[in-house]
Amino acid sequence: MKNSILLAAEIRRHALIMNHNANASHIGGALSIADILAVLYERVLTLFPQEPTNPKRDRFLLSKGHACSALYAVLALKDFFEVELLDTYSKNGSKFTTHASHNIPGIELSTGSLGHALSVGCGIALASKRKQNYFRTFVLVSDGELDEGSNWEAILFAPHHKLDNLTLIVDYNKIQSLGNVDDVLSLEPLKSKFEAFNWEAVEIDGHDHEAIYNSLITSGRNAKPKVIIAHTIKGKGIDFMENQLLWHYKSPNEKELESAIAQLNKVHPIDQS
């Protein structure tokens, strides 16, 4: 667990610096998924960083592509490419665009047009079963993204085809672009909705690494796909960003960046060795 916790802190550091340097948006949603990404990439996914298209790899799709700074960070930290390339984030001509790009090693699908990755994930999982390839498919969506009807078509599709090799993770930070999820379009009772659609559904603390790990290592039971409803905090780890709608779009200025990095360093000092 310790390694994934340290990895999460590094993901947050890099995401903050990238968003500051690029004057980019979506740091709040990047911070809310840092723990989930850390556990996935440190403890769960079968990875081949030097062979990113190895057919035996597990597939991970970040549907909320606007939070790609966190995904780029974890891929760099897991040796898919040099960490220094993160410095090119959002620069003219860079492959590191502000929404996830499949031109980056380790990224399966360009995302950011919300509501698409789960459908693609269903297709990947179905092909895997039919070809008897035994990799797993994981899709991470935002809570606000569940407003998109295309997700609910996929949510119908997956249990019909008994996609027990598919795991959906909902980043349930309860804030979307223009307000609180409950105010914009309430999702509750979310767990019951998935169960009614014949999914195995579990709810966890999306910042508890053991809870994340335990939920991810088991597939759906009784030939069902599995959904993990991860209750998270937008802006997690930075006190002035937590649960603040402002940080969906705002970029940290120099003073805010210094404060944020200082908070992370106080809890998880950078290893200078």
Protein backbone atom coordinates (compact mmCIF):
# COMPACT_ATOMS: atom_id res chain seq x y z
CA MET A 1 0.00 0.00 0.00
CA LYS A 2 2.87 2.39 0.82
CA ASN A 3 4.13 2.48 -2.76
CA SER A 4 0.72 3.33 -4.17
CA ILE A 5 0.29 6.11 -1.60
CA LEU A 6 3.63 7.64 -2.57
CA LEU A 7 2.76 7.22 -6.24
CA ALA A 8 -0.52 9.08 -5.69
CA ALA A 9 1.36 11.98 -4.10
CA GLU A 10 3.71 12.14 -7.09
CA ILE A 11 0.79 12.05 -9.50
CA ARG A 12 -0.71 15.03 -7.68
CA ARG A 13 2.59 16.97 -7.74
CA HIS A 14 3.05 16.51 -11.46
CA ALA A 15 -0.59 17.27 -12.28
CA LEU A 16 -0.44 20.51 -10.30
CA ILE A 17 2.77 21.62 -11.98
CA MET A 18 1.48 20.70 -15.45
CA ASN A 19 -1.78 22.58 -14.96
CA HIS A 20 0.02 25.62 -13.57
CA ASN A 21 2.64 25.76 -16.34
CA ALA A 22 0.01 25.35 -19.05
CA ASN A 23 -2.58 27.62 -17.39
CA ALA A 24 -4.89 24.66 -17.96
CA SER A 25 -8.15 23.51 -16.41
CA HIS A 26 -9.46 20.42 -14.61
CA ILE A 27 -7.01 20.07 -11.76
CA GLY A 28 -9.84 19.29 -9.31
CA GLY A 29 -10.92 16.22 -11.26
CA ALA A 30 -7.32 15.10 -11.77
CA LEU A 31 -6.68 15.19 -8.03
CA SER A 32 -9.84 13.23 -7.26
CA ILE A 33 -8.67 10.23 -9.32
CA ALA A 34 -5.00 10.19 -8.27
CA ASP A 35 -5.49 7.47 -5.66
CA ILE A 36 -7.48 5.27 -8.03
CA LEU A 37 -4.82 5.59 -10.74
CA ALA A 38 -2.04 4.90 -8.25
CA VAL A 39 -3.61 1.64 -7.08
CA LEU A 40 -4.46 0.56 -10.62
CA TYR A 41 -0.98 1.17 -12.00
CA GLU A 42 1.00 0.09 -8.95
CA ARG A 43 -0.96 -2.94 -7.80
CA VAL A 44 -3.61 -4.13 -10.25
CA LEU A 45 -2.99 -3.70 -13.97
CA THR A 46 -0.85 -6.07 -15.99
CA LEU A 47 1.46 -3.63 -17.76
CA PHE A 48 4.27 -3.74 -20.32
CA PRO A 49 5.72 -0.19 -20.31
CA GLN A 50 8.36 -1.06 -22.90
CA GLU A 51 5.76 -2.84 -25.05
CA PRO A 52 2.64 -0.71 -24.58
CA THR A 53 0.67 -2.63 -27.21
CA ASN A 54 1.50 -6.08 -25.86
CA PRO A 55 -1.71 -8.11 -26.42
CA LYS A 56 -1.52 -9.54 -22.88
CA ARG A 57 -1.86 -6.12 -21.28
CA ASP A 58 -4.91 -5.08 -19.32
CA ARG A 59 -6.82 -2.23 -20.94
CA PHE A 60 -7.55 0.99 -19.08
CA LEU A 61 -9.71 3.75 -20.56
CA LEU A 62 -10.00 7.17 -18.93
CA SER A 63 -13.36 8.36 -20.13
CA LYS A 64 -13.08 11.69 -18.29
CA GLY A 65 -10.29 12.70 -20.63
CA HIS A 66 -10.13 16.24 -19.26
CA ALA A 67 -8.34 14.77 -16.20
CA CYS A 68 -5.51 13.51 -18.40
CA SER A 69 -2.77 15.35 -16.49
CA ALA A 70 -3.10 12.68 -13.79
CA LEU A 71 -3.01 9.88 -16.36
CA TYR A 72 0.02 11.34 -18.17
CA ALA A 73 1.75 11.63 -14.80
CA VAL A 74 1.19 8.02 -13.76
CA LEU A 75 2.29 6.73 -17.17
CA ALA A 76 5.52 8.72 -16.93
CA LEU A 77 6.12 7.54 -13.36
CA LYS A 78 5.58 3.92 -14.49
CA ASP A 79 8.19 4.31 -17.24
CA PHE A 80 6.03 4.45 -20.37
CA PHE A 81 8.02 7.55 -21.37
CA GLU A 82 10.44 10.06 -19.85
CA VAL A 83 9.07 12.17 -17.01
CA GLU A 84 10.64 15.23 -18.63
CA LEU A 85 8.11 15.00 -21.47
CA LEU A 86 5.42 16.15 -19.03
CA ASP A 87 6.99 19.60 -19.33
CA THR A 88 5.58 19.79 -22.87
CA TYR A 89 1.98 19.45 -21.66
CA SER A 90 -0.31 21.71 -23.71
CA LYS A 91 2.59 23.37 -25.53
CA ASN A 92 2.27 24.12 -29.24
CA GLY A 93 2.97 20.97 -31.24
CA SER A 94 3.07 18.67 -28.22
CA LYS A 95 1.40 15.27 -28.25
CA PHE A 96 0.45 15.91 -24.62
CA THR A 97 -2.85 17.62 -25.27
CA THR A 98 -5.23 18.79 -22.54
CA HIS A 99 -7.56 15.86 -23.19
CA ALA A 100 -6.24 12.30 -23.27
CA SER A 101 -4.52 11.41 -26.54
CA HIS A 102 -3.95 7.92 -27.92
CA ASN A 103 -0.70 9.23 -29.43
CA ILE A 104 0.83 8.84 -25.97
CA PRO A 105 2.26 5.38 -25.13
CA GLY A 106 -0.04 3.57 -22.72
CA ILE A 107 -3.24 5.42 -23.69
CA GLU A 108 -5.76 3.21 -25.45
CA LEU A 109 -8.26 5.83 -26.57
CA SER A 110 -8.43 9.59 -27.12
CA THR A 111 -11.15 10.86 -24.81
CA GLY A 112 -12.75 14.05 -23.66
CA SER A 113 -15.93 13.93 -25.69
CA LEU A 114 -17.78 12.48 -22.74
CA GLY A 115 -19.86 9.33 -22.72
CA HIS A 116 -17.89 7.27 -25.26
CA ALA A 117 -15.23 5.24 -23.47
CA LEU A 118 -17.60 2.84 -21.71
CA SER A 119 -19.10 1.81 -25.04
CA VAL A 120 -15.61 1.27 -26.45
CA GLY A 121 -14.68 -0.64 -23.30
CA CYS A 122 -17.69 -2.90 -23.78
CA GLY A 123 -16.53 -3.65 -27.33
CA ILE A 124 -13.00 -4.43 -26.13
CA ALA A 125 -14.29 -6.70 -23.36
CA LEU A 126 -16.65 -8.52 -25.72
CA ALA A 127 -13.88 -9.06 -28.29
CA SER A 128 -11.63 -10.35 -25.52
CA LYS A 129 -14.19 -12.96 -24.47
CA ARG A 130 -14.92 -14.07 -28.02
CA LYS A 131 -11.24 -14.40 -28.88
CA GLN A 132 -10.52 -16.00 -25.49
CA ASN A 133 -7.91 -13.38 -24.66
CA TYR A 134 -7.73 -13.19 -20.93
CA PHE A 135 -6.95 -9.55 -20.26
CA ARG A 136 -9.24 -7.29 -18.22
CA THR A 137 -10.80 -3.98 -19.22
CA PHE A 138 -11.22 -1.07 -16.80
CA VAL A 139 -13.07 2.16 -17.60
CA LEU A 140 -13.05 5.22 -15.34
CA VAL A 141 -15.90 7.70 -15.82
CA SER A 142 -16.89 10.89 -14.04
CA ASP A 143 -20.16 11.22 -12.16
CA GLY A 144 -21.33 14.17 -14.27
CA GLU A 145 -20.55 12.12 -17.36
CA LEU A 146 -23.33 9.72 -16.39
CA ASP A 147 -25.71 12.42 -17.61
CA GLU A 148 -24.81 11.17 -21.09
CA GLY A 149 -27.35 8.70 -22.50
CA SER A 150 -24.68 6.75 -24.37
CA ASN A 151 -23.37 5.48 -21.03
CA TRP A 152 -26.73 3.97 -20.20
CA GLU A 153 -26.84 2.14 -23.53
CA ALA A 154 -23.48 0.60 -22.61
CA ILE A 155 -24.75 -0.14 -19.09
CA LEU A 156 -27.58 -2.15 -20.72
CA PHE A 157 -25.19 -3.82 -23.18
CA ALA A 158 -22.57 -5.11 -20.74
CA PRO A 159 -24.72 -7.43 -18.58
CA HIS A 160 -26.62 -8.70 -21.63
CA HIS A 161 -23.29 -9.96 -22.99
CA LYS A 162 -22.11 -11.18 -19.57
CA LEU A 163 -19.01 -9.00 -19.61
CA ASP A 164 -17.57 -10.14 -16.29
CA ASN A 165 -14.13 -9.09 -17.59
CA LEU A 166 -15.23 -5.43 -17.53
CA THR A 167 -14.92 -3.13 -14.51
CA LEU A 168 -16.38 0.35 -14.48
CA ILE A 169 -15.13 2.89 -11.93
CA VAL A 170 -17.22 5.98 -11.21
CA ASP A 171 -15.29 8.96 -9.86
CA TYR A 172 -18.14 10.17 -7.65
CA ASN A 173 -16.74 13.51 -6.48
CA LYS A 174 -20.24 15.03 -6.69
CA ILE A 175 -19.20 18.19 -8.56
CA GLN A 176 -19.46 18.63 -12.31
CA SER A 177 -18.60 21.53 -14.56
CA LEU A 178 -21.41 23.91 -13.64
CA GLY A 179 -22.54 22.81 -10.20
CA ASN A 180 -23.13 20.00 -7.73
CA VAL A 181 -24.23 16.75 -9.34
CA ASP A 182 -27.35 16.60 -7.17
CA ASP A 183 -28.38 20.05 -8.38
CA VAL A 184 -27.61 19.53 -12.07
CA LEU A 185 -29.04 16.02 -12.52
CA SER A 186 -29.20 13.73 -9.52
CA LEU A 187 -27.81 10.21 -9.95
CA GLU A 188 -29.22 8.70 -6.79
CA PRO A 189 -29.89 5.97 -5.96
CA LEU A 190 -26.86 5.16 -8.14
CA LYS A 191 -25.94 1.74 -6.72
CA SER A 192 -29.54 0.57 -6.99
CA LYS A 193 -29.72 1.79 -10.59
CA PHE A 194 -26.72 -0.33 -11.58
CA GLU A 195 -28.08 -3.34 -9.72
CA ALA A 196 -31.40 -2.92 -11.55
CA PHE A 197 -29.41 -3.05 -14.80
CA ASN A 198 -27.91 -6.37 -13.58
CA TRP A 199 -24.43 -5.18 -12.62
CA GLU A 200 -22.52 -6.19 -9.52
CA ALA A 201 -22.20 -2.84 -7.72
CA VAL A 202 -20.01 -1.85 -4.78
CA GLU A 203 -19.43 1.51 -3.08
CA ILE A 204 -16.06 2.46 -1.61
CA ASP A 205 -14.02 5.37 -0.29
CA GLY A 206 -12.15 6.35 -3.45
CA HIS A 207 -9.15 7.55 -1.45
CA ASP A 208 -8.70 4.41 0.70
CA HIS A 209 -6.03 2.43 -1.12
CA GLU A 210 -6.91 -0.92 0.44
CA ALA A 211 -10.58 -0.45 -0.35
CA ILE A 212 -9.71 0.50 -3.93
CA TYR A 213 -7.42 -2.50 -4.30
CA ASN A 214 -9.85 -5.01 -2.83
CA SER A 215 -12.64 -3.78 -5.08
CA LEU A 216 -10.48 -3.97 -8.22
CA ILE A 217 -8.94 -7.42 -7.84
CA THR A 218 -12.25 -9.27 -8.05
CA SER A 219 -14.28 -9.44 -11.24
CA GLY A 220 -18.04 -9.39 -11.46
CA ARG A 221 -19.76 -12.43 -10.02
CA ASN A 222 -22.34 -14.62 -11.75
CA ALA A 223 -21.16 -13.49 -15.20
CA LYS A 224 -21.96 -9.84 -14.43
CA PRO A 225 -19.91 -6.73 -15.18
CA LYS A 226 -18.78 -4.86 -12.08
CA VAL A 227 -19.12 -1.21 -11.17
CA ILE A 228 -17.14 0.44 -8.38
CA ILE A 229 -18.78 3.63 -7.16
CA ALA A 230 -15.79 5.46 -5.70
CA HIS A 231 -16.78 8.31 -3.40
CA THR A 232 -14.06 10.91 -3.89
CA ILE A 233 -13.30 14.54 -3.13
CA LYS A 234 -12.75 17.00 -5.94
CA GLY A 235 -9.35 18.62 -5.41
CA LYS A 236 -8.34 15.90 -2.91
CA GLY A 237 -5.12 16.59 -1.02
CA ILE A 238 -5.09 20.39 -1.32
CA ASP A 239 -7.17 22.05 1.38
CA PHE A 240 -8.21 25.15 -0.58
CA MET A 241 -9.19 23.06 -3.62
CA GLU A 242 -11.21 20.34 -1.91
CA ASN A 243 -14.93 20.31 -2.74
CA GLN A 244 -14.67 23.62 -4.59
CA LEU A 245 -16.43 24.00 -7.96
CA LEU A 246 -13.95 26.77 -8.81
CA TRP A 247 -11.22 24.20 -9.44
CA HIS A 248 -13.03 22.47 -12.25
CA TYR A 249 -11.71 25.17 -14.57
CA LYS A 250 -9.29 27.34 -12.59
CA SER A 251 -5.53 26.94 -12.91
CA PRO A 252 -3.30 27.46 -9.83
CA ASN A 253 -1.21 30.61 -9.93
CA GLU A 254 2.37 30.70 -8.62
CA LYS A 255 1.38 31.32 -5.00
CA GLU A 256 -1.34 28.67 -5.08
CA LEU A 257 1.04 26.16 -6.65
CA GLU A 258 3.65 26.78 -3.94
CA SER A 259 1.01 26.30 -1.25
CA ALA A 260 -0.29 23.11 -2.86
CA ILE A 261 3.17 21.56 -3.28
CA ALA A 262 4.04 22.50 0.30
CA GLN A 263 0.96 20.65 1.53
CA LEU A 264 1.91 17.53 -0.41
CA ASN A 265 5.52 17.72 0.75
CA LYS A 266 4.44 18.02 4.38
CA VAL A 267 2.62 14.70 4.17
CA HIS A 268 4.83 12.92 1.62
CA PRO A 269 8.29 14.55 1.27
CA ILE A 270 10.01 14.10 -2.09
CA ASP A 271 12.72 11.46 -1.96
CA GLN A 272 15.95 13.35 -2.66
CA SER A 273 18.11 10.22 -2.85
